[in-house]
Amino acid sequence: FSPIKSHRLTYLIEKAVEVGATHLHPVICQHTQF
């Protein structure tokens, strides 16, 4: 995933854990703002 705003990132992390993600990889793209 490309990093997003803090409060939205928290929601992303919570849902990723709930669905069973075993590895979380932040990816820096051309237009990543955070």
PDB file of all heavy atoms in Angstrom:
ATOM      1  N   PHE A   1       0.830  -1.195   0.000  1.00  0.00           N
ATOM      2  CA  PHE A   1       0.000   0.000   0.000  1.00  0.00           C
ATOM      3  C   PHE A   1       0.868   1.249   0.000  1.00  0.00           C
ATOM      4  O   PHE A   1       1.987   1.252   0.515  1.00  0.00           O
ATOM      5  CB  PHE A   1      -0.917   0.024   1.234  1.00  0.00           C
ATOM      6  CG  PHE A   1      -0.186   0.100   2.537  1.00  0.00           C
ATOM      7  CD1 PHE A   1       0.050   1.331   3.156  1.00  0.00           C
ATOM      8  CD2 PHE A   1       0.291  -1.052   3.161  1.00  0.00           C
ATOM      9  CE1 PHE A   1       0.737   1.398   4.361  1.00  0.00           C
ATOM     10  CE2 PHE A   1       0.976  -0.987   4.361  1.00  0.00           C
ATOM     11  CZ  PHE A   1       1.201   0.244   4.960  1.00  0.00           C
ATOM     12  N   SER A   2       0.343   2.299  -0.600  1.00  0.00           N
ATOM     13  CA  SER A   2       1.006   3.595  -0.542  1.00  0.00           C
ATOM     14  C   SER A   2       0.525   4.332   0.703  1.00  0.00           C
ATOM     15  O   SER A   2      -0.683   4.378   0.957  1.00  0.00           O
ATOM     16  CB  SER A   2       0.680   4.406  -1.797  1.00  0.00           C
ATOM     17  OG  SER A   2       1.335   5.661  -1.760  1.00  0.00           O
ATOM     18  N   PRO A   3       1.417   4.883   1.518  1.00  0.00           N
ATOM     19  CA  PRO A   3       1.021   5.558   2.755  1.00  0.00           C
ATOM     20  C   PRO A   3       0.015   6.679   2.508  1.00  0.00           C
ATOM     21  O   PRO A   3       0.127   7.430   1.532  1.00  0.00           O
ATOM     22  CB  PRO A   3       2.344   6.113   3.290  1.00  0.00           C
ATOM     23  CG  PRO A   3       3.385   5.210   2.718  1.00  0.00           C
ATOM     24  CD  PRO A   3       2.888   4.837   1.357  1.00  0.00           C
ATOM     25  N   ILE A   4      -0.962   6.783   3.395  1.00  0.00           N
ATOM     26  CA  ILE A   4      -2.012   7.792   3.298  1.00  0.00           C
ATOM     27  C   ILE A   4      -2.087   8.556   4.619  1.00  0.00           C
ATOM     28  O   ILE A   4      -1.279   8.334   5.514  1.00  0.00           O
ATOM     29  CB  ILE A   4      -3.366   7.143   2.954  1.00  0.00           C
ATOM     30  CG1 ILE A   4      -3.679   5.996   3.947  1.00  0.00           C
ATOM     31  CG2 ILE A   4      -3.374   6.626   1.532  1.00  0.00           C
ATOM     32  CD1 ILE A   4      -4.979   5.287   3.682  1.00  0.00           C
ATOM     33  N   LYS A   5      -3.079   9.453   4.735  1.00  0.00           N
ATOM     34  CA  LYS A   5      -3.215  10.249   5.944  1.00  0.00           C
ATOM     35  C   LYS A   5      -3.320   9.374   7.187  1.00  0.00           C
ATOM     36  O   LYS A   5      -3.830   8.266   7.122  1.00  0.00           O
ATOM     37  CB  LYS A   5      -4.448  11.151   5.840  1.00  0.00           C
ATOM     38  CG  LYS A   5      -4.303  12.273   4.830  1.00  0.00           C
ATOM     39  CD  LYS A   5      -5.529  13.167   4.830  1.00  0.00           C
ATOM     40  CE  LYS A   5      -5.372  14.318   3.846  1.00  0.00           C
ATOM     41  NZ  LYS A   5      -6.567  15.203   3.837  1.00  0.00           N
ATOM     42  N   SER A   6      -2.876   9.913   8.309  1.00  0.00           N
ATOM     43  CA  SER A   6      -2.723   9.140   9.529  1.00  0.00           C
ATOM     44  C   SER A   6      -3.992   8.403   9.949  1.00  0.00           C
ATOM     45  O   SER A   6      -3.966   7.197  10.203  1.00  0.00           O
ATOM     46  CB  SER A   6      -2.256  10.054  10.665  1.00  0.00           C
ATOM     47  OG  SER A   6      -2.137   9.332  11.875  1.00  0.00           O
ATOM     48  N   HIS A   7      -5.131   9.120  10.027  1.00  0.00           N
ATOM     49  CA  HIS A   7      -6.343   8.471  10.524  1.00  0.00           C
ATOM     50  C   HIS A   7      -6.858   7.420   9.544  1.00  0.00           C
ATOM     51  O   HIS A   7      -7.426   6.413   9.955  1.00  0.00           O
ATOM     52  CB  HIS A   7      -7.420   9.521  10.812  1.00  0.00           C
ATOM     53  CG  HIS A   7      -7.959  10.226   9.611  1.00  0.00           C
ATOM     54  ND1 HIS A   7      -7.253  11.207   8.960  1.00  0.00           N
ATOM     55  CD2 HIS A   7      -9.138  10.075   8.939  1.00  0.00           C
ATOM     56  CE1 HIS A   7      -7.973  11.656   7.941  1.00  0.00           C
ATOM     57  NE2 HIS A   7      -9.109  10.981   7.895  1.00  0.00           N
ATOM     58  N   ARG A   8      -6.645   7.650   8.251  1.00  0.00           N
ATOM     59  CA  ARG A   8      -7.059   6.660   7.257  1.00  0.00           C
ATOM     60  C   ARG A   8      -6.107   5.467   7.254  1.00  0.00           C
ATOM     61  O   ARG A   8      -6.525   4.326   7.012  1.00  0.00           O
ATOM     62  CB  ARG A   8      -7.120   7.298   5.872  1.00  0.00           C
ATOM     63  CG  ARG A   8      -8.214   8.359   5.763  1.00  0.00           C
ATOM     64  CD  ARG A   8      -8.264   8.968   4.383  1.00  0.00           C
ATOM     65  NE  ARG A   8      -9.332   9.956   4.277  1.00  0.00           N
ATOM     66  CZ  ARG A   8      -9.573  10.686   3.198  1.00  0.00           C
ATOM     67  NH1 ARG A   8      -8.807  10.549   2.123  1.00  0.00           N
ATOM     68  NH2 ARG A   8     -10.560  11.557   3.186  1.00  0.00           N
ATOM     69  N   LEU A   9      -4.838   5.734   7.516  1.00  0.00           N
ATOM     70  CA  LEU A   9      -3.863   4.652   7.595  1.00  0.00           C
ATOM     71  C   LEU A   9      -4.177   3.728   8.768  1.00  0.00           C
ATOM     72  O   LEU A   9      -4.041   2.504   8.666  1.00  0.00           O
ATOM     73  CB  LEU A   9      -2.452   5.223   7.727  1.00  0.00           C
ATOM     74  CG  LEU A   9      -1.311   4.208   7.803  1.00  0.00           C
ATOM     75  CD1 LEU A   9      -1.280   3.347   6.534  1.00  0.00           C
ATOM     76  CD2 LEU A   9       0.025   4.913   7.980  1.00  0.00           C
ATOM     77  N   THR A  10      -4.611   4.317   9.884  1.00  0.00           N
ATOM     78  CA  THR A  10      -5.004   3.507  11.041  1.00  0.00           C
ATOM     79  C   THR A  10      -6.139   2.556  10.672  1.00  0.00           C
ATOM     80  O   THR A  10      -6.124   1.378  11.029  1.00  0.00           O
ATOM     81  CB  THR A  10      -5.441   4.420  12.202  1.00  0.00           C
ATOM     82  OG1 THR A  10      -4.332   5.237  12.595  1.00  0.00           O
ATOM     83  CG2 THR A  10      -5.905   3.599  13.393  1.00  0.00           C
ATOM     84  N   TYR A  11      -7.119   3.064   9.952  1.00  0.00           N
ATOM     85  CA  TYR A  11      -8.256   2.240   9.517  1.00  0.00           C
ATOM     86  C   TYR A  11      -7.780   1.142   8.569  1.00  0.00           C
ATOM     87  O   TYR A  11      -8.205  -0.013   8.677  1.00  0.00           O
ATOM     88  CB  TYR A  11      -9.291   3.126   8.830  1.00  0.00           C
ATOM     89  CG  TYR A  11     -10.540   2.400   8.397  1.00  0.00           C
ATOM     90  CD1 TYR A  11     -11.547   2.108   9.309  1.00  0.00           C
ATOM     91  CD2 TYR A  11     -10.708   2.004   7.074  1.00  0.00           C
ATOM     92  CE1 TYR A  11     -12.704   1.438   8.915  1.00  0.00           C
ATOM     93  CE2 TYR A  11     -11.853   1.340   6.670  1.00  0.00           C
ATOM     94  CZ  TYR A  11     -12.845   1.058   7.589  1.00  0.00           C
ATOM     95  OH  TYR A  11     -13.970   0.385   7.191  1.00  0.00           O
ATOM     96  N   LEU A  12      -6.881   1.487   7.642  1.00  0.00           N
ATOM     97  CA  LEU A  12      -6.337   0.501   6.708  1.00  0.00           C
ATOM     98  C   LEU A  12      -5.644  -0.630   7.454  1.00  0.00           C
ATOM     99  O   LEU A  12      -5.831  -1.815   7.142  1.00  0.00           O
ATOM    100  CB  LEU A  12      -5.364   1.187   5.743  1.00  0.00           C
ATOM    101  CG  LEU A  12      -4.708   0.336   4.650  1.00  0.00           C
ATOM    102  CD1 LEU A  12      -4.380   1.228   3.442  1.00  0.00           C
ATOM    103  CD2 LEU A  12      -3.432  -0.343   5.129  1.00  0.00           C
ATOM    104  N   ILE A  13      -4.830  -0.260   8.448  1.00  0.00           N
ATOM    105  CA  ILE A  13      -4.092  -1.268   9.209  1.00  0.00           C
ATOM    106  C   ILE A  13      -5.051  -2.192   9.955  1.00  0.00           C
ATOM    107  O   ILE A  13      -4.893  -3.415   9.946  1.00  0.00           O
ATOM    108  CB  ILE A  13      -3.121  -0.582  10.186  1.00  0.00           C
ATOM    109  CG1 ILE A  13      -2.000   0.113   9.407  1.00  0.00           C
ATOM    110  CG2 ILE A  13      -2.540  -1.589  11.177  1.00  0.00           C
ATOM    111  CD1 ILE A  13      -1.140   1.022  10.251  1.00  0.00           C
ATOM    112  N   GLU A  14      -6.048  -1.611  10.605  1.00  0.00           N
ATOM    113  CA  GLU A  14      -7.016  -2.415  11.353  1.00  0.00           C
ATOM    114  C   GLU A  14      -7.704  -3.431  10.451  1.00  0.00           C
ATOM    115  O   GLU A  14      -7.824  -4.614  10.789  1.00  0.00           O
ATOM    116  CB  GLU A  14      -8.055  -1.504  12.008  1.00  0.00           C
ATOM    117  CG  GLU A  14      -7.508  -0.668  13.151  1.00  0.00           C
ATOM    118  CD  GLU A  14      -8.546   0.298  13.701  1.00  0.00           C
ATOM    119  OE1 GLU A  14      -9.654   0.383  13.102  1.00  0.00           O
ATOM    120  OE2 GLU A  14      -8.274   0.952  14.722  1.00  0.00           O
ATOM    121  N   LYS A  15      -8.167  -2.986   9.295  1.00  0.00           N
ATOM    122  CA  LYS A  15      -8.891  -3.880   8.388  1.00  0.00           C
ATOM    123  C   LYS A  15      -7.966  -4.909   7.757  1.00  0.00           C
ATOM    124  O   LYS A  15      -8.363  -6.059   7.547  1.00  0.00           O
ATOM    125  CB  LYS A  15      -9.617  -3.072   7.307  1.00  0.00           C
ATOM    126  CG  LYS A  15     -10.667  -2.117   7.874  1.00  0.00           C
ATOM    127  CD  LYS A  15     -11.616  -2.844   8.833  1.00  0.00           C
ATOM    128  CE  LYS A  15     -12.518  -1.904   9.582  1.00  0.00           C
ATOM    129  NZ  LYS A  15     -13.353  -2.598  10.606  1.00  0.00           N
ATOM    130  N   ALA A  16      -6.731  -4.527   7.467  1.00  0.00           N
ATOM    131  CA  ALA A  16      -5.772  -5.477   6.908  1.00  0.00           C
ATOM    132  C   ALA A  16      -5.502  -6.611   7.893  1.00  0.00           C
ATOM    133  O   ALA A  16      -5.433  -7.780   7.518  1.00  0.00           O
ATOM    134  CB  ALA A  16      -4.469  -4.759   6.557  1.00  0.00           C
ATOM    135  N   VAL A  17      -5.359  -6.264   9.164  1.00  0.00           N
ATOM    136  CA  VAL A  17      -5.141  -7.285  10.196  1.00  0.00           C
ATOM    137  C   VAL A  17      -6.369  -8.176  10.325  1.00  0.00           C
ATOM    138  O   VAL A  17      -6.256  -9.410  10.423  1.00  0.00           O
ATOM    139  CB  VAL A  17      -4.813  -6.622  11.547  1.00  0.00           C
ATOM    140  CG1 VAL A  17      -4.790  -7.664  12.673  1.00  0.00           C
ATOM    141  CG2 VAL A  17      -3.471  -5.907  11.481  1.00  0.00           C
ATOM    142  N   GLU A  18      -7.551  -7.584  10.286  1.00  0.00           N
ATOM    143  CA  GLU A  18      -8.783  -8.357  10.450  1.00  0.00           C
ATOM    144  C   GLU A  18      -9.000  -9.368   9.325  1.00  0.00           C
ATOM    145  O   GLU A  18      -9.518 -10.460   9.560  1.00  0.00           O
ATOM    146  CB  GLU A  18      -9.981  -7.405  10.534  1.00  0.00           C
ATOM    147  CG  GLU A  18     -10.032  -6.606  11.836  1.00  0.00           C
ATOM    148  CD  GLU A  18     -11.152  -5.579  11.839  1.00  0.00           C
ATOM    149  OE1 GLU A  18     -11.955  -5.574  10.874  1.00  0.00           O
ATOM    150  OE2 GLU A  18     -11.231  -4.789  12.798  1.00  0.00           O
ATOM    151  N   VAL A  19      -8.593  -9.019   8.104  1.00  0.00           N
ATOM    152  CA  VAL A  19      -8.805  -9.937   6.976  1.00  0.00           C
ATOM    153  C   VAL A  19      -7.689 -10.966   6.856  1.00  0.00           C
ATOM    154  O   VAL A  19      -7.765 -11.861   6.010  1.00  0.00           O
ATOM    155  CB  VAL A  19      -8.964  -9.181   5.647  1.00  0.00           C
ATOM    156  CG1 VAL A  19     -10.140  -8.233   5.695  1.00  0.00           C
ATOM    157  CG2 VAL A  19      -7.687  -8.445   5.266  1.00  0.00           C
ATOM    158  N   GLY A  20      -6.636 -10.842   7.681  1.00  0.00           N
ATOM    159  CA  GLY A  20      -5.618 -11.886   7.712  1.00  0.00           C
ATOM    160  C   GLY A  20      -4.297 -11.568   7.057  1.00  0.00           C
ATOM    161  O   GLY A  20      -3.503 -12.483   6.799  1.00  0.00           O
ATOM    162  N   ALA A  21      -4.005 -10.304   6.778  1.00  0.00           N
ATOM    163  CA  ALA A  21      -2.703  -9.956   6.196  1.00  0.00           C
ATOM    164  C   ALA A  21      -1.582 -10.354   7.155  1.00  0.00           C
ATOM    165  O   ALA A  21      -1.652 -10.088   8.350  1.00  0.00           O
ATOM    166  CB  ALA A  21      -2.630  -8.466   5.894  1.00  0.00           C
ATOM    167  N   THR A  22      -0.548 -10.990   6.623  1.00  0.00           N
ATOM    168  CA  THR A  22       0.586 -11.412   7.445  1.00  0.00           C
ATOM    169  C   THR A  22       1.797 -10.490   7.281  1.00  0.00           C
ATOM    170  O   THR A  22       2.703 -10.500   8.109  1.00  0.00           O
ATOM    171  CB  THR A  22       1.012 -12.842   7.091  1.00  0.00           C
ATOM    172  OG1 THR A  22       1.324 -12.913   5.679  1.00  0.00           O
ATOM    173  CG2 THR A  22      -0.113 -13.823   7.405  1.00  0.00           C
ATOM    174  N   HIS A  23       1.819  -9.703   6.198  1.00  0.00           N
ATOM    175  CA  HIS A  23       2.913  -8.771   5.945  1.00  0.00           C
ATOM    176  C   HIS A  23       2.320  -7.468   5.406  1.00  0.00           C
ATOM    177  O   HIS A  23       1.479  -7.499   4.496  1.00  0.00           O
ATOM    178  CB  HIS A  23       3.914  -9.319   4.932  1.00  0.00           C
ATOM    179  CG  HIS A  23       4.620 -10.561   5.379  1.00  0.00           C
ATOM    180  ND1 HIS A  23       4.000 -11.791   5.438  1.00  0.00           N
ATOM    181  CD2 HIS A  23       5.898 -10.750   5.803  1.00  0.00           C
ATOM    182  CE1 HIS A  23       4.873 -12.696   5.876  1.00  0.00           C
ATOM    183  NE2 HIS A  23       6.011 -12.093   6.116  1.00  0.00           N
ATOM    184  N   LEU A  24       2.776  -6.346   5.953  1.00  0.00           N
ATOM    185  CA  LEU A  24       2.342  -5.036   5.485  1.00  0.00           C
ATOM    186  C   LEU A  24       3.548  -4.318   4.883  1.00  0.00           C
ATOM    187  O   LEU A  24       4.548  -4.091   5.576  1.00  0.00           O
ATOM    188  CB  LEU A  24       1.756  -4.222   6.642  1.00  0.00           C
ATOM    189  CG  LEU A  24       0.560  -4.849   7.375  1.00  0.00           C
ATOM    190  CD1 LEU A  24       0.095  -3.940   8.504  1.00  0.00           C
ATOM    191  CD2 LEU A  24      -0.585  -5.118   6.415  1.00  0.00           C
ATOM    192  N   HIS A  25       3.438  -3.968   3.605  1.00  0.00           N
ATOM    193  CA  HIS A  25       4.557  -3.368   2.881  1.00  0.00           C
ATOM    194  C   HIS A  25       4.207  -1.947   2.426  1.00  0.00           C
ATOM    195  O   HIS A  25       3.448  -1.786   1.458  1.00  0.00           O
ATOM    196  CB  HIS A  25       4.905  -4.198   1.650  1.00  0.00           C
ATOM    197  CG  HIS A  25       5.244  -5.625   1.930  1.00  0.00           C
ATOM    198  ND1 HIS A  25       6.516  -6.046   2.269  1.00  0.00           N
ATOM    199  CD2 HIS A  25       4.470  -6.747   1.925  1.00  0.00           C
ATOM    200  CE1 HIS A  25       6.516  -7.359   2.443  1.00  0.00           C
ATOM    201  NE2 HIS A  25       5.287  -7.795   2.247  1.00  0.00           N
ATOM    202  N   PRO A  26       4.701  -0.903   3.074  1.00  0.00           N
ATOM    203  CA  PRO A  26       4.501   0.456   2.562  1.00  0.00           C
ATOM    204  C   PRO A  26       5.305   0.645   1.274  1.00  0.00           C
ATOM    205  O   PRO A  26       6.484   0.281   1.211  1.00  0.00           O
ATOM    206  CB  PRO A  26       5.037   1.344   3.679  1.00  0.00           C
ATOM    207  CG  PRO A  26       5.162   0.453   4.886  1.00  0.00           C
ATOM    208  CD  PRO A  26       5.417  -0.912   4.355  1.00  0.00           C
ATOM    209  N   VAL A  27       4.665   1.205   0.254  1.00  0.00           N
ATOM    210  CA  VAL A  27       5.297   1.404  -1.049  1.00  0.00           C
ATOM    211  C   VAL A  27       5.252   2.890  -1.404  1.00  0.00           C
ATOM    212  O   VAL A  27       4.187   3.506  -1.373  1.00  0.00           O
ATOM    213  CB  VAL A  27       4.586   0.578  -2.141  1.00  0.00           C
ATOM    214  CG1 VAL A  27       5.248   0.814  -3.492  1.00  0.00           C
ATOM    215  CG2 VAL A  27       4.599  -0.901  -1.791  1.00  0.00           C
ATOM    216  N   ILE A  28       6.414   3.452  -1.741  1.00  0.00           N
ATOM    217  CA  ILE A  28       6.504   4.860  -2.101  1.00  0.00           C
ATOM    218  C   ILE A  28       6.362   4.986  -3.619  1.00  0.00           C
ATOM    219  O   ILE A  28       7.208   4.508  -4.379  1.00  0.00           O
ATOM    220  CB  ILE A  28       7.834   5.476  -1.639  1.00  0.00           C
ATOM    221  CG1 ILE A  28       8.049   5.197  -0.140  1.00  0.00           C
ATOM    222  CG2 ILE A  28       7.851   6.970  -1.930  1.00  0.00           C
ATOM    223  CD1 ILE A  28       6.941   5.706   0.742  1.00  0.00           C
ATOM    224  N   CYS A  29       5.271   5.621  -4.029  1.00  0.00           N
ATOM    225  CA  CYS A  29       4.986   5.793  -5.454  1.00  0.00           C
ATOM    226  C   CYS A  29       5.291   7.237  -5.885  1.00  0.00           C
ATOM    227  O   CYS A  29       5.661   8.079  -5.065  1.00  0.00           O
ATOM    228  CB  CYS A  29       3.530   5.454  -5.743  1.00  0.00           C
ATOM    229  SG  CYS A  29       3.052   3.784  -5.252  1.00  0.00           S
ATOM    230  N   GLN A  30       5.101   7.517  -7.162  1.00  0.00           N
ATOM    231  CA  GLN A  30       5.436   8.833  -7.695  1.00  0.00           C
ATOM    232  C   GLN A  30       4.655   9.944  -7.009  1.00  0.00           C
ATOM    233  O   GLN A  30       5.184  11.035  -6.755  1.00  0.00           O
ATOM    234  CB  GLN A  30       5.166   8.858  -9.204  1.00  0.00           C
ATOM    235  CG  GLN A  30       5.506  10.187  -9.870  1.00  0.00           C
ATOM    236  CD  GLN A  30       5.265  10.162 -11.365  1.00  0.00           C
ATOM    237  OE1 GLN A  30       4.883   9.131 -11.926  1.00  0.00           O
ATOM    238  NE2 GLN A  30       5.477  11.287 -12.028  1.00  0.00           N
ATOM    239  N   HIS A  31       3.398   9.697  -6.696  1.00  0.00           N
ATOM    240  CA  HIS A  31       2.545  10.745  -6.120  1.00  0.00           C
ATOM    241  C   HIS A  31       2.188  10.482  -4.652  1.00  0.00           C
ATOM    242  O   HIS A  31       1.202  11.022  -4.158  1.00  0.00           O
ATOM    243  CB  HIS A  31       1.274  10.886  -6.950  1.00  0.00           C
ATOM    244  CG  HIS A  31       1.526  11.275  -8.383  1.00  0.00           C
ATOM    245  ND1 HIS A  31       2.036  12.502  -8.738  1.00  0.00           N
ATOM    246  CD2 HIS A  31       1.364  10.569  -9.533  1.00  0.00           C
ATOM    247  CE1 HIS A  31       2.163  12.562 -10.054  1.00  0.00           C
ATOM    248  NE2 HIS A  31       1.761  11.406 -10.559  1.00  0.00           N
ATOM    249  N   THR A  32       2.970   9.675  -3.985  1.00  0.00           N
ATOM    250  CA  THR A  32       2.736   9.449  -2.553  1.00  0.00           C
ATOM    251  C   THR A  32       2.943  10.749  -1.788  1.00  0.00           C
ATOM    252  O   THR A  32       3.988  11.390  -1.906  1.00  0.00           O
ATOM    253  CB  THR A  32       3.701   8.371  -2.010  1.00  0.00           C
ATOM    254  OG1 THR A  32       3.438   7.128  -2.660  1.00  0.00           O
ATOM    255  CG2 THR A  32       3.515   8.192  -0.506  1.00  0.00           C
ATOM    256  N   GLN A  33       1.957  11.157  -1.019  1.00  0.00           N
ATOM    257  CA  GLN A  33       2.010  12.436  -0.316  1.00  0.00           C
ATOM    258  C   GLN A  33       2.544  12.322   1.106  1.00  0.00           C
ATOM    259  O   GLN A  33       2.894  13.333   1.722  1.00  0.00           O
ATOM    260  CB  GLN A  33       0.616  13.066  -0.286  1.00  0.00           C
ATOM    261  CG  GLN A  33       0.085  13.413  -1.673  1.00  0.00           C
ATOM    262  CD  GLN A  33      -1.285  14.067  -1.615  1.00  0.00           C
ATOM    263  OE1 GLN A  33      -1.977  13.987  -0.605  1.00  0.00           O
ATOM    264  NE2 GLN A  33      -1.680  14.721  -2.697  1.00  0.00           N
ATOM    265  N   PHE A  34       2.588  11.099   1.641  1.00  0.00           N
ATOM    266  CA  PHE A  34       3.024  10.914   3.031  1.00  0.00           C
ATOM    267  C   PHE A  34       4.086   9.809   3.092  1.00  0.00           C
ATOM    268  O   PHE A  34       3.839   8.726   3.610  1.00  0.00           O
ATOM    269  CB  PHE A  34       1.831  10.567   3.921  1.00  0.00           C
ATOM    270  CG  PHE A  34       0.721  11.581   3.855  1.00  0.00           C
ATOM    271  CD1 PHE A  34      -0.328  11.412   2.977  1.00  0.00           C
ATOM    272  CD2 PHE A  34       0.743  12.708   4.660  1.00  0.00           C
ATOM    273  CE1 PHE A  34      -1.351  12.348   2.905  1.00  0.00           C
ATOM    274  CE2 PHE A  34      -0.262  13.647   4.596  1.00  0.00           C
ATOM    275  CZ  PHE A  34      -1.315  13.470   3.707  1.00  0.00           C
TER     276      PHE A  34
END
